[in-house]
Amino acid sequence: MNREKNQMTSRLLAIGGSLAARSLTSALLQQACAIAEEFGASTECLAVTRLQLDMFAPDTTTASDPRVARLLSAVSAADVVFLASPLYGGTPSGAVKNILDTLHLGKDGSIGPLSRKRCAVATVGGGALNGSYSFQRGGTGTLDIACKNLGAWVDPRHLEFSELHFDTDSNLHDAVSRDQLRSGVRRLLAVTLARAEVVSR
């Protein structure tokens, strides 16, 4: 039975974040991993600060670069992917877009490295419109398109958080936001959780 349970365990890769020293988006990745572990999944968190990727250059960036190889290996080992980016000016960060560009090196012909993987996309941020703070939605659309181009099935219920949803310790502080994150992670793991439930009967 233990062997069967291990076979049912999903591996979640949380990827993205920002270059900020106190990054809310990187904290969100860690919180997603903690929730996944509560559901019995194994996790790996690769924020942009850990990956340290060079800017993707089609003519010179190669899959043999150790940092690129680490990224591709982590994606290959994952069953599901949680991708989160800060919003700058209403759009995802260049650092996260660079991860997605680099992942194209993992394509095998027309098969993308995210093929047959479930993916959730999330953003953290707002912006100033007419001199005042405004929570801007829609930045997840770019992440959705990019992940689909890499072969992923993307959860249509995107996760969009404002900086105001976090407390001073970088944790989601309101019940609605926490529930949205928990539900999003659970949906990612839904197939494995359903199979595990059948095995346990």
C-alpha atoms as a PDB file:
ATOM      1  CA  MET A   1       0.000   0.000   0.000  1.00  0.00           C
ATOM      2  CA  ASN A   2       2.840   2.404   0.766  1.00  0.00           C
ATOM      3  CA  ARG A   3       4.299   1.764  -2.655  1.00  0.00           C
ATOM      4  CA  GLU A   4       0.918   2.471  -4.245  1.00  0.00           C
ATOM      5  CA  LYS A   5       0.600   5.718  -2.312  1.00  0.00           C
ATOM      6  CA  ASN A   6       4.049   6.807  -3.426  1.00  0.00           C
ATOM      7  CA  GLN A   7       3.103   6.103  -7.019  1.00  0.00           C
ATOM      8  CA  MET A   8       0.090   8.395  -6.556  1.00  0.00           C
ATOM      9  CA  THR A   9       2.167  11.316  -5.250  1.00  0.00           C
ATOM     10  CA  SER A  10       2.322  14.343  -7.543  1.00  0.00           C
ATOM     11  CA  ARG A  11       5.365  16.559  -7.851  1.00  0.00           C
ATOM     12  CA  LEU A  12       4.603  20.274  -7.976  1.00  0.00           C
ATOM     13  CA  LEU A  13       7.110  22.745  -9.366  1.00  0.00           C
ATOM     14  CA  ALA A  14       6.567  26.339  -8.229  1.00  0.00           C
ATOM     15  CA  ILE A  15       8.402  28.714 -10.497  1.00  0.00           C
ATOM     16  CA  GLY A  16       8.670  32.459 -11.084  1.00  0.00           C
ATOM     17  CA  GLY A  17       8.914  35.096  -8.388  1.00  0.00           C
ATOM     18  CA  SER A  18      10.886  38.304  -8.684  1.00  0.00           C
ATOM     19  CA  LEU A  19      14.325  39.771  -8.106  1.00  0.00           C
ATOM     20  CA  ALA A  20      13.147  41.831  -5.118  1.00  0.00           C
ATOM     21  CA  ALA A  21      14.805  41.074  -1.782  1.00  0.00           C
ATOM     22  CA  ARG A  22      11.372  40.793  -0.123  1.00  0.00           C
ATOM     23  CA  SER A  23       9.353  39.422  -3.015  1.00  0.00           C
ATOM     24  CA  LEU A  24       5.641  38.851  -2.448  1.00  0.00           C
ATOM     25  CA  THR A  25       5.544  36.696  -5.561  1.00  0.00           C
ATOM     26  CA  SER A  26       8.362  34.472  -4.346  1.00  0.00           C
ATOM     27  CA  ALA A  27       6.552  34.213  -0.999  1.00  0.00           C
ATOM     28  CA  LEU A  28       3.427  33.147  -2.900  1.00  0.00           C
ATOM     29  CA  LEU A  29       5.413  30.316  -4.511  1.00  0.00           C
ATOM     30  CA  GLN A  30       6.443  29.082  -1.067  1.00  0.00           C
ATOM     31  CA  GLN A  31       2.859  29.245   0.182  1.00  0.00           C
ATOM     32  CA  ALA A  32       1.673  27.242  -2.834  1.00  0.00           C
ATOM     33  CA  CYS A  33       4.299  24.589  -2.061  1.00  0.00           C
ATOM     34  CA  ALA A  34       3.210  24.418   1.580  1.00  0.00           C
ATOM     35  CA  ILE A  35      -0.393  23.819   0.524  1.00  0.00           C
ATOM     36  CA  ALA A  36       0.646  21.156  -1.989  1.00  0.00           C
ATOM     37  CA  GLU A  37       2.626  19.360   0.708  1.00  0.00           C
ATOM     38  CA  GLU A  38      -0.467  19.346   2.933  1.00  0.00           C
ATOM     39  CA  PHE A  39      -2.178  17.415   0.136  1.00  0.00           C
ATOM     40  CA  GLY A  40       0.713  14.934   0.049  1.00  0.00           C
ATOM     41  CA  ALA A  41       2.584  16.265  -2.975  1.00  0.00           C
ATOM     42  CA  SER A  42       6.337  16.648  -3.198  1.00  0.00           C
ATOM     43  CA  THR A  43       7.459  20.121  -4.220  1.00  0.00           C
ATOM     44  CA  GLU A  44      10.307  22.148  -5.620  1.00  0.00           C
ATOM     45  CA  CYS A  45      10.444  25.934  -5.613  1.00  0.00           C
ATOM     46  CA  LEU A  46      12.593  27.680  -8.207  1.00  0.00           C
ATOM     47  CA  ALA A  47      12.398  31.443  -7.925  1.00  0.00           C
ATOM     48  CA  VAL A  48      14.193  33.558 -10.504  1.00  0.00           C
ATOM     49  CA  THR A  49      16.808  34.444  -7.896  1.00  0.00           C
ATOM     50  CA  ARG A  50      17.750  30.762  -7.581  1.00  0.00           C
ATOM     51  CA  LEU A  51      17.783  30.055 -11.299  1.00  0.00           C
ATOM     52  CA  GLN A  52      20.042  33.004 -12.181  1.00  0.00           C
ATOM     53  CA  LEU A  53      19.337  32.549 -15.890  1.00  0.00           C
ATOM     54  CA  ASP A  54      21.023  34.762 -18.449  1.00  0.00           C
ATOM     55  CA  MET A  55      18.683  36.559 -20.822  1.00  0.00           C
ATOM     56  CA  PHE A  56      17.545  34.105 -23.456  1.00  0.00           C
ATOM     57  CA  ALA A  57      19.443  34.613 -26.715  1.00  0.00           C
ATOM     58  CA  PRO A  58      18.271  32.273 -29.514  1.00  0.00           C
ATOM     59  CA  ASP A  59      21.711  32.163 -31.121  1.00  0.00           C
ATOM     60  CA  THR A  60      23.783  31.502 -28.010  1.00  0.00           C
ATOM     61  CA  THR A  61      21.651  30.094 -25.159  1.00  0.00           C
ATOM     62  CA  THR A  62      21.828  26.300 -25.092  1.00  0.00           C
ATOM     63  CA  ALA A  63      20.239  23.482 -23.143  1.00  0.00           C
ATOM     64  CA  SER A  64      23.715  22.394 -22.018  1.00  0.00           C
ATOM     65  CA  ASP A  65      24.149  25.522 -19.887  1.00  0.00           C
ATOM     66  CA  PRO A  66      24.013  24.201 -16.276  1.00  0.00           C
ATOM     67  CA  ARG A  67      21.383  26.745 -15.250  1.00  0.00           C
ATOM     68  CA  VAL A  68      19.203  25.950 -18.250  1.00  0.00           C
ATOM     69  CA  ALA A  69      19.696  22.225 -17.687  1.00  0.00           C
ATOM     70  CA  ARG A  70      18.577  22.642 -14.072  1.00  0.00           C
ATOM     71  CA  LEU A  71      15.397  24.381 -15.207  1.00  0.00           C
ATOM     72  CA  LEU A  72      14.606  21.797 -17.872  1.00  0.00           C
ATOM     73  CA  SER A  73      15.275  18.934 -15.459  1.00  0.00           C
ATOM     74  CA  ALA A  74      12.959  20.421 -12.834  1.00  0.00           C
ATOM     75  CA  VAL A  75      10.182  20.887 -15.383  1.00  0.00           C
ATOM     76  CA  SER A  76      10.644  17.367 -16.726  1.00  0.00           C
ATOM     77  CA  ALA A  77      10.374  15.898 -13.218  1.00  0.00           C
ATOM     78  CA  ALA A  78       7.226  17.863 -12.353  1.00  0.00           C
ATOM     79  CA  ASP A  79       3.689  16.608 -12.805  1.00  0.00           C
ATOM     80  CA  VAL A  80       2.132  20.029 -12.270  1.00  0.00           C
ATOM     81  CA  VAL A  81       3.475  23.574 -12.447  1.00  0.00           C
ATOM     82  CA  PHE A  82       2.525  26.665 -10.446  1.00  0.00           C
ATOM     83  CA  LEU A  83       3.792  29.779 -12.242  1.00  0.00           C
ATOM     84  CA  ALA A  84       3.653  33.194 -10.588  1.00  0.00           C
ATOM     85  CA  SER A  85       4.865  36.593 -11.729  1.00  0.00           C
ATOM     86  CA  PRO A  86       4.763  40.116 -10.355  1.00  0.00           C
ATOM     87  CA  LEU A  87       3.067  42.726 -12.509  1.00  0.00           C
ATOM     88  CA  TYR A  88       4.999  45.755 -13.656  1.00  0.00           C
ATOM     89  CA  GLY A  89       2.943  48.276 -15.583  1.00  0.00           C
ATOM     90  CA  GLY A  90       0.169  45.720 -15.855  1.00  0.00           C
ATOM     91  CA  THR A  91       2.302  43.034 -17.510  1.00  0.00           C
ATOM     92  CA  PRO A  92       4.347  40.042 -16.226  1.00  0.00           C
ATOM     93  CA  SER A  93       7.981  40.644 -15.349  1.00  0.00           C
ATOM     94  CA  GLY A  94      10.790  40.236 -17.842  1.00  0.00           C
ATOM     95  CA  ALA A  95      12.507  37.754 -15.526  1.00  0.00           C
ATOM     96  CA  VAL A  96       9.523  35.384 -15.587  1.00  0.00           C
ATOM     97  CA  LYS A  97       9.067  35.861 -19.333  1.00  0.00           C
ATOM     98  CA  ASN A  98      12.746  34.939 -19.674  1.00  0.00           C
ATOM     99  CA  ILE A  99      12.055  31.606 -17.938  1.00  0.00           C
ATOM    100  CA  LEU A 100       9.266  30.898 -20.400  1.00  0.00           C
ATOM    101  CA  ASP A 101      11.447  31.857 -23.377  1.00  0.00           C
ATOM    102  CA  THR A 102      14.256  29.620 -22.129  1.00  0.00           C
ATOM    103  CA  LEU A 103      11.871  26.669 -21.782  1.00  0.00           C
ATOM    104  CA  HIS A 104      11.530  26.573 -25.560  1.00  0.00           C
ATOM    105  CA  LEU A 105      14.950  24.885 -25.541  1.00  0.00           C
ATOM    106  CA  GLY A 106      13.177  21.884 -24.024  1.00  0.00           C
ATOM    107  CA  LYS A 107      10.985  21.321 -27.069  1.00  0.00           C
ATOM    108  CA  ASP A 108      11.241  17.984 -28.847  1.00  0.00           C
ATOM    109  CA  GLY A 109      10.021  18.838 -32.294  1.00  0.00           C
ATOM    110  CA  SER A 110       6.481  20.095 -31.809  1.00  0.00           C
ATOM    111  CA  ILE A 111       6.251  18.651 -28.279  1.00  0.00           C
ATOM    112  CA  GLY A 112       6.741  21.309 -25.622  1.00  0.00           C
ATOM    113  CA  PRO A 113       8.342  20.699 -22.205  1.00  0.00           C
ATOM    114  CA  LEU A 114       5.002  21.400 -20.498  1.00  0.00           C
ATOM    115  CA  SER A 115       3.087  18.880 -22.597  1.00  0.00           C
ATOM    116  CA  ARG A 116       0.673  16.763 -20.528  1.00  0.00           C
ATOM    117  CA  LYS A 117       1.327  18.919 -17.479  1.00  0.00           C
ATOM    118  CA  ARG A 118      -1.335  20.834 -15.583  1.00  0.00           C
ATOM    119  CA  CYS A 119      -0.387  24.443 -14.917  1.00  0.00           C
ATOM    120  CA  ALA A 120      -1.777  27.271 -12.795  1.00  0.00           C
ATOM    121  CA  VAL A 121      -0.840  30.884 -13.479  1.00  0.00           C
ATOM    122  CA  ALA A 122      -0.824  33.650 -10.883  1.00  0.00           C
ATOM    123  CA  THR A 123       0.151  37.295 -10.659  1.00  0.00           C
ATOM    124  CA  VAL A 124       0.829  39.717  -7.832  1.00  0.00           C
ATOM    125  CA  GLY A 125       0.524  43.438  -8.373  1.00  0.00           C
ATOM    126  CA  GLY A 126      -1.444  46.496  -9.200  1.00  0.00           C
ATOM    127  CA  GLY A 127      -0.444  49.783 -10.654  1.00  0.00           C
ATOM    128  CA  ALA A 128      -0.910  53.517 -10.632  1.00  0.00           C
ATOM    129  CA  LEU A 129      -3.622  54.892 -12.898  1.00  0.00           C
ATOM    130  CA  ASN A 130      -4.147  58.653 -12.970  1.00  0.00           C
ATOM    131  CA  GLY A 131      -1.967  59.023  -9.916  1.00  0.00           C
ATOM    132  CA  SER A 132      -3.847  56.581  -7.692  1.00  0.00           C
ATOM    133  CA  TYR A 133      -3.484  52.890  -6.890  1.00  0.00           C
ATOM    134  CA  SER A 134      -5.621  50.542  -8.970  1.00  0.00           C
ATOM    135  CA  PHE A 135      -5.658  46.737  -8.893  1.00  0.00           C
ATOM    136  CA  GLN A 136      -5.119  45.750 -12.528  1.00  0.00           C
ATOM    137  CA  ARG A 137      -6.435  42.387 -13.611  1.00  0.00           C
ATOM    138  CA  GLY A 138      -5.624  40.494 -16.788  1.00  0.00           C
ATOM    139  CA  GLY A 139      -1.852  40.068 -16.571  1.00  0.00           C
ATOM    140  CA  THR A 140      -2.299  36.318 -16.221  1.00  0.00           C
ATOM    141  CA  GLY A 141      -3.520  36.151 -19.818  1.00  0.00           C
ATOM    142  CA  THR A 142       0.029  36.501 -21.144  1.00  0.00           C
ATOM    143  CA  LEU A 143       1.243  33.710 -18.858  1.00  0.00           C
ATOM    144  CA  ASP A 144      -1.654  31.516 -20.007  1.00  0.00           C
ATOM    145  CA  ILE A 145      -0.732  31.940 -23.673  1.00  0.00           C
ATOM    146  CA  ALA A 146       2.976  31.343 -23.041  1.00  0.00           C
ATOM    147  CA  CYS A 147       2.345  28.129 -21.082  1.00  0.00           C
ATOM    148  CA  LYS A 148      -0.056  26.810 -23.709  1.00  0.00           C
ATOM    149  CA  ASN A 149       2.577  27.457 -26.375  1.00  0.00           C
ATOM    150  CA  LEU A 150       4.840  25.176 -24.336  1.00  0.00           C
ATOM    151  CA  GLY A 151       2.194  22.448 -24.322  1.00  0.00           C
ATOM    152  CA  ALA A 152       0.562  22.923 -20.916  1.00  0.00           C
ATOM    153  CA  TRP A 153      -3.057  22.514 -19.921  1.00  0.00           C
ATOM    154  CA  VAL A 154      -3.683  25.768 -18.056  1.00  0.00           C
ATOM    155  CA  ASP A 155      -6.329  26.097 -15.367  1.00  0.00           C
ATOM    156  CA  PRO A 156      -8.789  28.667 -16.784  1.00  0.00           C
ATOM    157  CA  ARG A 157      -9.369  30.064 -13.291  1.00  0.00           C
ATOM    158  CA  HIS A 158      -6.365  32.339 -13.059  1.00  0.00           C
ATOM    159  CA  LEU A 159      -5.120  33.602  -9.694  1.00  0.00           C
ATOM    160  CA  GLU A 160      -4.682  37.365  -9.424  1.00  0.00           C
ATOM    161  CA  PHE A 161      -3.611  38.967  -6.162  1.00  0.00           C
ATOM    162  CA  SER A 162      -3.008  42.549  -5.113  1.00  0.00           C
ATOM    163  CA  GLU A 163      -0.097  43.558  -2.920  1.00  0.00           C
ATOM    164  CA  LEU A 164      -2.795  44.602  -0.448  1.00  0.00           C
ATOM    165  CA  HIS A 165      -3.786  40.947   0.000  1.00  0.00           C
ATOM    166  CA  PHE A 166      -0.493  40.311   1.855  1.00  0.00           C
ATOM    167  CA  ASP A 167       0.491  41.127   5.419  1.00  0.00           C
ATOM    168  CA  THR A 168       3.830  42.519   6.591  1.00  0.00           C
ATOM    169  CA  ASP A 169       5.250  38.975   6.733  1.00  0.00           C
ATOM    170  CA  SER A 170       4.406  38.444   3.028  1.00  0.00           C
ATOM    171  CA  ASN A 171       1.577  36.001   3.791  1.00  0.00           C
ATOM    172  CA  LEU A 172      -1.888  36.209   2.269  1.00  0.00           C
ATOM    173  CA  HIS A 173      -3.911  37.710   5.108  1.00  0.00           C
ATOM    174  CA  ASP A 174      -7.525  37.626   3.946  1.00  0.00           C
ATOM    175  CA  ALA A 175      -9.647  34.487   3.890  1.00  0.00           C
ATOM    176  CA  VAL A 176     -10.845  34.915   0.298  1.00  0.00           C
ATOM    177  CA  SER A 177      -7.322  35.121  -1.137  1.00  0.00           C
ATOM    178  CA  ARG A 178      -6.096  32.194   0.958  1.00  0.00           C
ATOM    179  CA  ASP A 179      -9.046  30.116  -0.216  1.00  0.00           C
ATOM    180  CA  GLN A 180      -8.388  31.055  -3.849  1.00  0.00           C
ATOM    181  CA  LEU A 181      -4.786  29.897  -3.566  1.00  0.00           C
ATOM    182  CA  ARG A 182      -5.698  26.691  -1.766  1.00  0.00           C
ATOM    183  CA  SER A 183      -8.410  25.892  -4.308  1.00  0.00           C
ATOM    184  CA  GLY A 184      -6.033  26.610  -7.179  1.00  0.00           C
ATOM    185  CA  VAL A 185      -3.398  24.228  -5.835  1.00  0.00           C
ATOM    186  CA  ARG A 186      -6.019  21.580  -5.139  1.00  0.00           C
ATOM    187  CA  ARG A 187      -7.286  21.814  -8.728  1.00  0.00           C
ATOM    188  CA  LEU A 188      -3.732  21.269  -9.967  1.00  0.00           C
ATOM    189  CA  LEU A 189      -3.463  18.116  -7.888  1.00  0.00           C
ATOM    190  CA  ALA A 190      -7.058  16.980  -8.477  1.00  0.00           C
ATOM    191  CA  VAL A 191      -6.259  14.043 -10.770  1.00  0.00           C
ATOM    192  CA  THR A 192      -3.708  12.547  -8.385  1.00  0.00           C
ATOM    193  CA  LEU A 193      -5.911  13.189  -5.346  1.00  0.00           C
ATOM    194  CA  ALA A 194      -8.832  11.428  -7.032  1.00  0.00           C
ATOM    195  CA  ARG A 195      -6.690   8.410  -7.890  1.00  0.00           C
ATOM    196  CA  ALA A 196      -5.314   8.242  -4.351  1.00  0.00           C
ATOM    197  CA  GLU A 197      -8.853   8.276  -2.970  1.00  0.00           C
ATOM    198  CA  VAL A 198      -9.790   5.312  -5.159  1.00  0.00           C
ATOM    199  CA  VAL A 199      -6.695   3.373  -4.049  1.00  0.00           C
ATOM    200  CA  SER A 200      -7.486   3.999  -0.375  1.00  0.00           C
ATOM    201  CA  ARG A 201     -11.002   2.557  -0.634  1.00  0.00           C
END
